[in-house]
């Protein structure tokens, strides 16, 4: 019975043990250890999270033009910045992962589809201030808030475009080859 228990525990261990030491690819091992599992509190996190905190309390209303799938949370086209932040912006841990990815790979040209309030763009753009960062937002009022947020964070490398992806994207792709990093 004791041997059966040991065998059971061994299989439970194998099933649950997932870490970088089981990875054989040097590229993936490096990515896991230096980017994904990295818990460093980078210099940009505090600045951007202070902006996120400020937006969390904003009651400013925005009339949304939704060119995408639409909202599953609200039937109204008017939302507060606080609601947009809650439902449309990536949480800090995912935004910070995107920063670490962009910081690791140092892309020269970045394309973001769907800027929303510009928080995720802030993380990616801060990773390489020399990158050509192009971001597209469908709603002019939301784009204006994102521009204001980017201005507050002193960006010089972000080019905001407002309009439908179907209209803007073919021209962007044609004029900016190669695109090194894309975020939807």
N, C-alpha and C. Protein backbone atom coordinates (compact mmCIF):
# COMPACT_ATOMS: atom_id res chain seq x y z
N UNK A 1 0.83 -1.20 0.00
CA UNK A 1 0.00 0.00 0.00
C UNK A 1 0.87 1.26 0.00
N UNK A 2 1.99 1.20 0.76
CA UNK A 2 2.88 2.34 0.84
C UNK A 2 3.49 2.67 -0.52
N UNK A 3 3.87 1.62 -1.31
CA UNK A 3 4.43 1.84 -2.63
C UNK A 3 3.39 2.46 -3.57
N UNK A 4 2.17 2.03 -3.44
CA UNK A 4 1.09 2.59 -4.26
C UNK A 4 0.91 4.07 -3.95
N UNK A 5 0.99 4.44 -2.69
CA UNK A 5 0.89 5.83 -2.28
C UNK A 5 2.05 6.66 -2.85
N UNK A 6 3.27 6.12 -2.83
CA UNK A 6 4.43 6.81 -3.39
C UNK A 6 4.29 7.00 -4.90
N UNK A 7 3.81 5.99 -5.58
CA UNK A 7 3.59 6.09 -7.03
C UNK A 7 2.54 7.15 -7.32
N UNK A 8 1.47 7.16 -6.55
CA UNK A 8 0.41 8.16 -6.72
C UNK A 8 0.99 9.56 -6.53
N UNK A 9 1.76 9.75 -5.47
CA UNK A 9 2.36 11.06 -5.20
C UNK A 9 3.32 11.48 -6.31
N UNK A 10 4.06 10.53 -6.86
CA UNK A 10 4.97 10.84 -7.95
C UNK A 10 4.21 11.35 -9.17
N UNK A 11 3.10 10.70 -9.52
CA UNK A 11 2.31 11.14 -10.67
C UNK A 11 1.63 12.49 -10.41
N UNK A 12 1.21 12.73 -9.20
CA UNK A 12 0.66 14.04 -8.84
C UNK A 12 1.74 15.11 -9.01
N UNK A 13 2.95 14.80 -8.56
CA UNK A 13 4.07 15.73 -8.71
C UNK A 13 4.34 16.01 -10.19
N UNK A 14 4.41 14.97 -11.00
CA UNK A 14 4.66 15.15 -12.44
C UNK A 14 3.58 16.00 -13.09
N UNK A 15 2.34 15.76 -12.71
CA UNK A 15 1.22 16.50 -13.29
C UNK A 15 1.26 17.97 -12.91
N UNK A 16 1.63 18.26 -11.67
CA UNK A 16 1.60 19.64 -11.18
C UNK A 16 2.91 20.41 -11.41
N UNK A 17 3.99 19.71 -11.63
CA UNK A 17 5.28 20.41 -11.73
C UNK A 17 5.48 21.00 -13.12
N UNK A 18 5.29 22.28 -13.18
CA UNK A 18 5.54 23.00 -14.43
C UNK A 18 6.41 24.20 -14.10
N UNK A 19 7.64 24.16 -14.55
CA UNK A 19 8.53 25.29 -14.37
C UNK A 19 9.54 25.32 -15.50
N UNK A 20 10.43 26.28 -15.45
CA UNK A 20 11.38 26.48 -16.54
C UNK A 20 12.40 25.35 -16.66
N UNK A 21 12.58 24.54 -15.63
CA UNK A 21 13.61 23.50 -15.67
C UNK A 21 13.23 22.32 -16.55
N UNK A 22 11.96 22.20 -16.92
CA UNK A 22 11.55 21.15 -17.83
C UNK A 22 11.57 21.58 -19.28
N UNK A 23 12.02 22.79 -19.54
CA UNK A 23 12.03 23.34 -20.90
C UNK A 23 13.41 23.10 -21.52
N UNK A 24 13.43 22.53 -22.72
CA UNK A 24 14.70 22.20 -23.36
C UNK A 24 15.17 23.25 -24.35
N UNK A 25 14.26 24.05 -24.86
CA UNK A 25 14.64 25.07 -25.83
C UNK A 25 15.32 26.24 -25.12
N UNK A 26 16.53 26.61 -25.52
CA UNK A 26 17.20 27.75 -24.89
C UNK A 26 16.41 29.05 -25.05
N UNK A 27 15.78 29.24 -26.21
CA UNK A 27 14.98 30.45 -26.43
C UNK A 27 13.82 30.52 -25.44
N UNK A 28 13.07 29.43 -25.31
CA UNK A 28 11.91 29.41 -24.42
C UNK A 28 12.34 29.52 -22.97
N UNK A 29 13.43 28.84 -22.61
CA UNK A 29 13.94 28.94 -21.24
C UNK A 29 14.30 30.39 -20.90
N UNK A 30 15.00 31.04 -21.81
CA UNK A 30 15.37 32.44 -21.60
C UNK A 30 14.13 33.33 -21.49
N UNK A 31 13.15 33.11 -22.35
CA UNK A 31 11.91 33.88 -22.32
C UNK A 31 11.18 33.68 -20.99
N UNK A 32 11.09 32.45 -20.54
CA UNK A 32 10.42 32.17 -19.26
C UNK A 32 11.13 32.83 -18.09
N UNK A 33 12.45 32.67 -18.03
CA UNK A 33 13.19 33.16 -16.85
C UNK A 33 13.39 34.66 -16.85
N UNK A 34 13.62 35.26 -18.01
CA UNK A 34 13.92 36.70 -18.02
C UNK A 34 12.70 37.58 -18.28
N UNK A 35 11.62 36.99 -18.81
CA UNK A 35 10.45 37.82 -19.14
C UNK A 35 9.21 37.38 -18.36
N UNK A 36 8.77 36.18 -18.57
CA UNK A 36 7.47 35.74 -18.03
C UNK A 36 7.49 35.59 -16.50
N UNK A 37 8.50 34.94 -15.96
CA UNK A 37 8.57 34.75 -14.51
C UNK A 37 9.25 35.91 -13.78
N UNK A 38 9.63 36.92 -14.49
CA UNK A 38 10.34 38.07 -13.92
C UNK A 38 9.39 38.88 -13.02
N UNK A 39 9.77 39.08 -11.79
CA UNK A 39 8.94 39.83 -10.83
C UNK A 39 9.53 41.21 -10.51
N UNK A 40 10.47 41.66 -11.34
CA UNK A 40 11.09 42.97 -11.11
C UNK A 40 10.05 44.08 -11.20
N UNK A 41 10.14 45.02 -10.29
CA UNK A 41 9.25 46.17 -10.30
C UNK A 41 9.93 47.26 -11.14
N UNK A 42 9.67 47.27 -12.43
CA UNK A 42 10.33 48.19 -13.35
C UNK A 42 9.93 49.64 -13.09
N UNK A 43 10.78 50.53 -13.53
CA UNK A 43 10.64 51.97 -13.32
C UNK A 43 9.32 52.54 -13.86
N UNK A 44 8.75 51.97 -14.91
CA UNK A 44 7.55 52.55 -15.52
C UNK A 44 6.26 52.14 -14.82
N UNK A 45 6.29 51.05 -14.09
CA UNK A 45 5.06 50.52 -13.49
C UNK A 45 4.35 51.55 -12.62
N UNK A 46 5.10 52.19 -11.73
CA UNK A 46 4.48 53.12 -10.78
C UNK A 46 3.83 54.31 -11.49
N UNK A 47 4.54 54.88 -12.45
CA UNK A 47 4.03 56.04 -13.19
C UNK A 47 2.72 55.71 -13.92
N UNK A 48 2.69 54.58 -14.58
CA UNK A 48 1.49 54.21 -15.35
C UNK A 48 0.36 53.77 -14.42
N UNK A 49 0.70 53.09 -13.34
CA UNK A 49 -0.34 52.66 -12.40
C UNK A 49 -0.94 53.84 -11.64
N UNK A 50 -0.18 54.91 -11.45
CA UNK A 50 -0.74 56.14 -10.87
C UNK A 50 -1.78 56.74 -11.81
N UNK A 51 -1.48 56.70 -13.11
CA UNK A 51 -2.45 57.17 -14.10
C UNK A 51 -3.69 56.28 -14.10
N UNK A 52 -3.51 54.96 -14.03
CA UNK A 52 -4.64 54.03 -13.98
C UNK A 52 -5.51 54.32 -12.76
N UNK A 53 -4.88 54.58 -11.63
CA UNK A 53 -5.61 54.88 -10.39
C UNK A 53 -6.43 56.16 -10.55
N UNK A 54 -5.85 57.16 -11.19
CA UNK A 54 -6.56 58.41 -11.44
C UNK A 54 -7.79 58.17 -12.33
N UNK A 55 -7.61 57.35 -13.37
CA UNK A 55 -8.71 57.06 -14.29
C UNK A 55 -9.80 56.23 -13.61
N UNK A 56 -9.41 55.43 -12.63
CA UNK A 56 -10.35 54.58 -11.91
C UNK A 56 -11.42 55.39 -11.19
N UNK A 57 -11.10 56.65 -10.89
CA UNK A 57 -12.03 57.51 -10.16
C UNK A 57 -12.69 58.56 -11.06
N UNK A 58 -12.43 58.48 -12.35
CA UNK A 58 -12.97 59.48 -13.28
C UNK A 58 -14.43 59.18 -13.62
N UNK A 59 -15.26 60.19 -13.50
CA UNK A 59 -16.67 60.06 -13.87
C UNK A 59 -16.96 60.74 -15.21
N UNK A 60 -15.91 61.15 -15.91
CA UNK A 60 -16.06 61.76 -17.23
C UNK A 60 -16.81 60.78 -18.15
N UNK A 61 -17.79 61.28 -18.89
CA UNK A 61 -18.55 60.41 -19.78
C UNK A 61 -18.06 60.53 -21.21
N UNK A 62 -18.18 59.43 -21.93
CA UNK A 62 -17.71 59.35 -23.31
C UNK A 62 -18.82 58.74 -24.14
N UNK A 63 -19.08 59.35 -25.28
CA UNK A 63 -20.03 58.80 -26.23
C UNK A 63 -19.24 57.88 -27.16
N UNK A 64 -19.48 56.59 -27.04
CA UNK A 64 -18.67 55.60 -27.76
C UNK A 64 -19.24 55.27 -29.13
N UNK A 65 -18.36 55.28 -30.10
CA UNK A 65 -18.67 54.76 -31.43
C UNK A 65 -17.97 53.42 -31.48
N UNK A 66 -18.74 52.35 -31.50
CA UNK A 66 -18.15 51.02 -31.45
C UNK A 66 -18.14 50.40 -32.84
N UNK A 67 -16.95 50.27 -33.41
CA UNK A 67 -16.81 49.68 -34.73
C UNK A 67 -16.53 48.19 -34.66
N UNK A 68 -16.42 47.66 -33.45
CA UNK A 68 -16.09 46.24 -33.27
C UNK A 68 -17.30 45.42 -32.92
N UNK A 69 -17.11 44.48 -32.01
CA UNK A 69 -18.15 43.53 -31.63
C UNK A 69 -19.22 44.16 -30.74
N UNK A 70 -18.93 45.31 -30.17
CA UNK A 70 -19.89 45.96 -29.28
C UNK A 70 -19.70 45.51 -27.85
N UNK A 71 -20.38 46.19 -26.96
CA UNK A 71 -20.27 45.89 -25.54
C UNK A 71 -21.27 44.82 -25.15
N UNK A 72 -20.79 43.85 -24.38
CA UNK A 72 -21.68 42.83 -23.84
C UNK A 72 -22.16 43.23 -22.45
N UNK A 73 -21.62 44.30 -21.91
CA UNK A 73 -21.95 44.74 -20.56
C UNK A 73 -22.97 45.87 -20.53
N UNK A 74 -23.02 46.65 -21.59
CA UNK A 74 -23.88 47.82 -21.58
C UNK A 74 -24.54 47.99 -22.93
N UNK A 75 -25.82 48.28 -22.93
CA UNK A 75 -26.54 48.53 -24.18
C UNK A 75 -26.41 49.98 -24.61
N UNK A 76 -25.90 50.82 -23.72
CA UNK A 76 -25.78 52.25 -23.97
C UNK A 76 -24.49 52.56 -24.72
N UNK A 77 -24.54 53.63 -25.51
CA UNK A 77 -23.32 54.06 -26.20
C UNK A 77 -22.54 55.08 -25.37
N UNK A 78 -23.08 55.46 -24.22
CA UNK A 78 -22.39 56.40 -23.33
C UNK A 78 -21.84 55.63 -22.14
N UNK A 79 -20.55 55.83 -21.88
CA UNK A 79 -19.89 55.15 -20.76
C UNK A 79 -19.00 56.15 -20.03
N UNK A 80 -18.71 55.82 -18.79
CA UNK A 80 -17.76 56.65 -18.05
C UNK A 80 -16.36 56.10 -18.29
N UNK A 81 -15.37 56.95 -18.04
CA UNK A 81 -13.97 56.52 -18.17
C UNK A 81 -13.72 55.36 -17.20
N UNK A 82 -14.32 55.44 -16.02
CA UNK A 82 -14.18 54.39 -15.02
C UNK A 82 -14.67 53.04 -15.58
N UNK A 83 -15.81 53.05 -16.29
CA UNK A 83 -16.33 51.82 -16.90
C UNK A 83 -15.41 51.31 -18.01
N UNK A 84 -14.94 52.22 -18.84
CA UNK A 84 -14.01 51.83 -19.91
C UNK A 84 -12.76 51.18 -19.33
N UNK A 85 -12.24 51.77 -18.27
CA UNK A 85 -11.06 51.23 -17.63
C UNK A 85 -11.32 49.82 -17.11
N UNK A 86 -12.47 49.63 -16.51
CA UNK A 86 -12.80 48.33 -15.92
C UNK A 86 -13.00 47.24 -16.97
N UNK A 87 -13.69 47.56 -18.06
CA UNK A 87 -14.06 46.54 -19.03
C UNK A 87 -13.15 46.47 -20.26
N UNK A 88 -12.42 47.52 -20.59
CA UNK A 88 -11.68 47.54 -21.85
C UNK A 88 -10.16 47.55 -21.72
N UNK A 89 -9.65 47.81 -20.54
CA UNK A 89 -8.20 47.94 -20.37
C UNK A 89 -7.67 46.69 -19.68
N UNK A 90 -6.54 46.21 -20.17
CA UNK A 90 -5.90 45.02 -19.59
C UNK A 90 -5.49 45.29 -18.15
N UNK A 91 -5.63 44.28 -17.28
CA UNK A 91 -5.16 44.44 -15.90
C UNK A 91 -3.65 44.69 -15.86
N UNK A 92 -3.18 45.22 -14.75
CA UNK A 92 -1.77 45.59 -14.61
C UNK A 92 -0.84 44.42 -14.90
N UNK A 93 -1.15 43.22 -14.42
CA UNK A 93 -0.20 42.11 -14.60
C UNK A 93 0.01 41.77 -16.07
N UNK A 94 -1.04 41.88 -16.90
CA UNK A 94 -0.88 41.59 -18.32
C UNK A 94 -0.22 42.75 -19.06
N UNK A 95 -0.53 43.96 -18.66
CA UNK A 95 0.13 45.13 -19.25
C UNK A 95 1.63 45.11 -18.93
N UNK A 96 1.96 44.73 -17.72
CA UNK A 96 3.35 44.66 -17.32
C UNK A 96 4.08 43.52 -18.03
N UNK A 97 3.39 42.43 -18.31
CA UNK A 97 3.98 41.35 -19.12
C UNK A 97 4.27 41.86 -20.53
N UNK A 98 3.37 42.62 -21.11
CA UNK A 98 3.60 43.20 -22.43
C UNK A 98 4.81 44.15 -22.40
N UNK A 99 4.94 44.92 -21.33
CA UNK A 99 6.13 45.78 -21.19
C UNK A 99 7.40 44.93 -21.20
N UNK A 100 7.40 43.85 -20.40
CA UNK A 100 8.60 43.01 -20.32
C UNK A 100 8.91 42.35 -21.66
N UNK A 101 7.88 41.94 -22.40
CA UNK A 101 8.10 41.37 -23.74
C UNK A 101 8.71 42.41 -24.68
N UNK A 102 8.13 43.60 -24.70
CA UNK A 102 8.65 44.66 -25.57
C UNK A 102 10.04 45.10 -25.12
N UNK A 103 10.28 45.12 -23.83
CA UNK A 103 11.59 45.48 -23.30
C UNK A 103 12.63 44.43 -23.69
N UNK A 104 12.24 43.19 -23.69
CA UNK A 104 13.15 42.09 -24.03
C UNK A 104 13.50 42.07 -25.52
N UNK A 105 12.48 42.23 -26.36
CA UNK A 105 12.69 42.12 -27.81
C UNK A 105 13.05 43.44 -28.49
N UNK A 106 12.78 44.57 -27.82
CA UNK A 106 13.09 45.90 -28.36
C UNK A 106 12.60 46.07 -29.81
N UNK A 107 11.30 45.95 -30.07
CA UNK A 107 10.81 46.10 -31.44
C UNK A 107 10.99 47.53 -31.94
N UNK A 108 11.29 47.65 -33.22
CA UNK A 108 11.46 48.98 -33.82
C UNK A 108 10.12 49.56 -34.26
N UNK A 109 9.21 48.68 -34.70
CA UNK A 109 7.89 49.14 -35.14
C UNK A 109 6.82 48.34 -34.41
N UNK A 110 5.92 49.05 -33.74
CA UNK A 110 4.86 48.42 -32.96
C UNK A 110 3.52 48.90 -33.50
N UNK A 111 2.57 47.97 -33.62
CA UNK A 111 1.21 48.29 -34.05
C UNK A 111 0.24 47.79 -33.00
N UNK A 112 -0.61 48.69 -32.54
CA UNK A 112 -1.65 48.32 -31.57
C UNK A 112 -3.00 48.59 -32.21
N UNK A 113 -3.88 47.61 -32.15
CA UNK A 113 -5.24 47.76 -32.68
C UNK A 113 -6.20 47.84 -31.52
N UNK A 114 -6.80 49.01 -31.32
CA UNK A 114 -7.72 49.21 -30.20
C UNK A 114 -7.00 49.83 -29.02
N UNK A 115 -6.83 51.11 -29.05
CA UNK A 115 -6.07 51.82 -28.02
C UNK A 115 -6.80 51.88 -26.69
N UNK A 116 -8.11 52.06 -26.74
CA UNK A 116 -8.91 52.33 -25.55
C UNK A 116 -8.33 53.55 -24.86
N UNK A 117 -8.01 53.47 -23.59
CA UNK A 117 -7.54 54.65 -22.84
C UNK A 117 -6.02 54.85 -22.93
N UNK A 118 -5.33 53.96 -23.61
CA UNK A 118 -3.90 54.12 -23.85
C UNK A 118 -2.99 53.57 -22.77
N UNK A 119 -3.53 52.82 -21.82
CA UNK A 119 -2.72 52.28 -20.72
C UNK A 119 -1.77 51.20 -21.25
N UNK A 120 -2.29 50.26 -22.01
CA UNK A 120 -1.44 49.19 -22.55
C UNK A 120 -0.40 49.76 -23.50
N UNK A 121 -0.81 50.71 -24.32
CA UNK A 121 0.13 51.38 -25.22
C UNK A 121 1.24 52.04 -24.42
N UNK A 122 0.90 52.61 -23.28
CA UNK A 122 1.90 53.26 -22.44
C UNK A 122 2.96 52.27 -21.99
N UNK A 123 2.52 51.09 -21.56
CA UNK A 123 3.48 50.08 -21.13
C UNK A 123 4.39 49.65 -22.29
N UNK A 124 3.80 49.37 -23.44
CA UNK A 124 4.60 48.89 -24.58
C UNK A 124 5.54 49.99 -25.09
N UNK A 125 5.02 51.21 -25.22
CA UNK A 125 5.83 52.32 -25.75
C UNK A 125 6.97 52.70 -24.81
N UNK A 126 6.76 52.56 -23.52
CA UNK A 126 7.81 52.91 -22.55
C UNK A 126 8.99 51.92 -22.60
N UNK A 127 8.76 50.74 -23.16
CA UNK A 127 9.82 49.73 -23.24
C UNK A 127 10.93 50.15 -24.21
N UNK A 128 10.57 50.91 -25.24
CA UNK A 128 11.56 51.37 -26.20
C UNK A 128 11.12 52.74 -26.73
N UNK A 129 11.70 53.79 -26.20
CA UNK A 129 11.30 55.15 -26.59
C UNK A 129 11.70 55.50 -28.02
N UNK A 130 12.55 54.66 -28.64
CA UNK A 130 12.96 54.91 -30.01
C UNK A 130 12.10 54.16 -31.03
N UNK A 131 11.16 53.36 -30.55
CA UNK A 131 10.32 52.61 -31.48
C UNK A 131 9.31 53.51 -32.17
N UNK A 132 8.89 53.09 -33.33
CA UNK A 132 7.82 53.75 -34.06
C UNK A 132 6.54 53.05 -33.62
N UNK A 133 5.76 53.69 -32.78
CA UNK A 133 4.56 53.08 -32.20
C UNK A 133 3.33 53.65 -32.86
N UNK A 134 2.57 52.80 -33.56
CA UNK A 134 1.34 53.21 -34.24
C UNK A 134 0.18 52.54 -33.53
N UNK A 135 -0.80 53.33 -33.15
CA UNK A 135 -1.96 52.78 -32.48
C UNK A 135 -3.23 53.31 -33.15
N UNK A 136 -4.22 52.44 -33.25
CA UNK A 136 -5.48 52.79 -33.91
C UNK A 136 -6.63 52.65 -32.92
N UNK A 137 -7.47 53.67 -32.87
CA UNK A 137 -8.69 53.64 -32.05
C UNK A 137 -9.86 54.06 -32.92
N UNK A 138 -10.96 53.36 -32.82
CA UNK A 138 -12.13 53.65 -33.65
C UNK A 138 -12.97 54.82 -33.18
N UNK A 139 -12.98 55.07 -31.89
CA UNK A 139 -13.82 56.12 -31.32
C UNK A 139 -13.01 57.40 -31.09
N UNK A 140 -13.40 58.50 -31.70
CA UNK A 140 -12.65 59.76 -31.54
C UNK A 140 -12.58 60.26 -30.09
N UNK A 141 -13.65 60.11 -29.32
CA UNK A 141 -13.64 60.61 -27.94
C UNK A 141 -12.70 59.79 -27.05
N UNK A 142 -12.68 58.48 -27.26
CA UNK A 142 -11.77 57.63 -26.49
C UNK A 142 -10.33 57.91 -26.92
N UNK A 143 -10.12 58.11 -28.21
CA UNK A 143 -8.79 58.44 -28.73
C UNK A 143 -8.28 59.74 -28.11
N UNK A 144 -9.17 60.71 -27.93
CA UNK A 144 -8.77 61.99 -27.32
C UNK A 144 -8.30 61.78 -25.88
N UNK A 145 -8.97 60.91 -25.14
CA UNK A 145 -8.55 60.61 -23.76
C UNK A 145 -7.20 59.89 -23.78
N UNK A 146 -7.03 58.95 -24.69
CA UNK A 146 -5.75 58.24 -24.81
C UNK A 146 -4.62 59.20 -25.15
N UNK A 147 -4.88 60.13 -26.07
CA UNK A 147 -3.87 61.15 -26.42
C UNK A 147 -3.50 61.98 -25.20
N UNK A 148 -4.51 62.35 -24.43
CA UNK A 148 -4.27 63.13 -23.22
C UNK A 148 -3.41 62.33 -22.23
N UNK A 149 -3.72 61.03 -22.10
CA UNK A 149 -2.94 60.17 -21.20
C UNK A 149 -1.50 60.02 -21.70
N UNK A 150 -1.34 59.87 -23.00
CA UNK A 150 0.02 59.75 -23.57
C UNK A 150 0.80 61.05 -23.39
N UNK A 151 0.12 62.15 -23.51
CA UNK A 151 0.76 63.45 -23.31
C UNK A 151 1.21 63.60 -21.85
N UNK A 152 0.35 63.15 -20.94
CA UNK A 152 0.68 63.22 -19.51
C UNK A 152 1.91 62.36 -19.18
N UNK A 153 2.11 61.28 -19.95
CA UNK A 153 3.26 60.40 -19.73
C UNK A 153 4.46 60.78 -20.61
N UNK A 154 4.34 61.92 -21.32
CA UNK A 154 5.44 62.47 -22.14
C UNK A 154 5.92 61.55 -23.26
N UNK A 155 4.99 61.01 -24.02
CA UNK A 155 5.38 60.18 -25.16
C UNK A 155 5.72 61.03 -26.36
N UNK A 156 6.74 60.61 -27.07
CA UNK A 156 7.10 61.27 -28.32
C UNK A 156 7.08 60.28 -29.47
N UNK A 157 6.98 58.98 -29.17
CA UNK A 157 7.07 57.96 -30.20
C UNK A 157 5.73 57.31 -30.55
N UNK A 158 4.61 57.84 -30.07
CA UNK A 158 3.31 57.23 -30.33
C UNK A 158 2.55 58.04 -31.37
N UNK A 159 2.14 57.36 -32.43
CA UNK A 159 1.33 57.98 -33.48
C UNK A 159 -0.08 57.40 -33.39
N UNK A 160 -1.03 58.24 -33.01
CA UNK A 160 -2.42 57.82 -32.85
C UNK A 160 -3.18 58.04 -34.14
N UNK A 161 -3.91 57.00 -34.57
CA UNK A 161 -4.78 57.13 -35.74
C UNK A 161 -6.19 56.78 -35.31
N UNK A 162 -7.16 57.54 -35.81
CA UNK A 162 -8.55 57.33 -35.43
C UNK A 162 -9.33 56.91 -36.65
N UNK A 163 -10.05 55.80 -36.53
CA UNK A 163 -10.88 55.34 -37.63
C UNK A 163 -11.06 53.83 -37.60
N UNK A 164 -11.67 53.34 -38.66
CA UNK A 164 -11.98 51.92 -38.81
C UNK A 164 -10.72 51.16 -39.20
N UNK A 165 -10.46 50.03 -38.56
CA UNK A 165 -9.31 49.19 -38.89
C UNK A 165 -9.30 48.81 -40.36
N UNK A 166 -10.48 48.44 -40.88
CA UNK A 166 -10.58 48.01 -42.27
C UNK A 166 -10.08 49.08 -43.24
N UNK A 167 -10.29 50.32 -42.90
CA UNK A 167 -9.88 51.43 -43.76
C UNK A 167 -8.40 51.78 -43.56
N UNK A 168 -7.96 51.85 -42.31
CA UNK A 168 -6.61 52.32 -42.00
C UNK A 168 -5.52 51.26 -42.12
N UNK A 169 -5.85 50.04 -41.77
CA UNK A 169 -4.83 49.00 -41.66
C UNK A 169 -4.08 48.67 -42.95
N UNK A 170 -4.75 48.53 -44.10
CA UNK A 170 -3.98 48.19 -45.32
C UNK A 170 -2.90 49.21 -45.65
N UNK A 171 -3.20 50.48 -45.49
CA UNK A 171 -2.23 51.53 -45.78
C UNK A 171 -1.07 51.51 -44.78
N UNK A 172 -1.38 51.28 -43.50
CA UNK A 172 -0.35 51.21 -42.46
C UNK A 172 0.59 50.05 -42.74
N UNK A 173 0.03 48.89 -43.05
CA UNK A 173 0.85 47.71 -43.31
C UNK A 173 1.75 47.92 -44.52
N UNK A 174 1.21 48.56 -45.54
CA UNK A 174 1.99 48.81 -46.75
C UNK A 174 3.15 49.78 -46.51
N UNK A 175 2.91 50.81 -45.71
CA UNK A 175 3.92 51.86 -45.50
C UNK A 175 4.92 51.55 -44.39
N UNK A 176 4.60 50.65 -43.48
CA UNK A 176 5.47 50.42 -42.32
C UNK A 176 5.93 48.96 -42.26
N UNK A 177 6.72 48.56 -43.20
CA UNK A 177 7.25 47.20 -43.17
C UNK A 177 8.67 47.22 -42.64
N UNK A 178 9.12 46.30 -41.86
CA UNK A 178 8.33 45.27 -41.20
C UNK A 178 7.74 45.78 -39.87
N UNK A 179 6.69 45.14 -39.45
CA UNK A 179 6.09 45.43 -38.13
C UNK A 179 6.60 44.34 -37.21
N UNK A 180 7.27 44.73 -36.14
CA UNK A 180 7.94 43.79 -35.25
C UNK A 180 7.08 43.28 -34.11
N UNK A 181 6.08 44.06 -33.70
CA UNK A 181 5.30 43.72 -32.51
C UNK A 181 3.88 44.21 -32.76
N UNK A 182 2.90 43.31 -32.63
CA UNK A 182 1.50 43.68 -32.85
C UNK A 182 0.70 43.27 -31.62
N UNK A 183 -0.15 44.18 -31.16
CA UNK A 183 -1.04 43.88 -30.03
C UNK A 183 -2.47 44.21 -30.42
N UNK A 184 -3.38 43.26 -30.25
CA UNK A 184 -4.80 43.45 -30.56
C UNK A 184 -5.54 43.77 -29.28
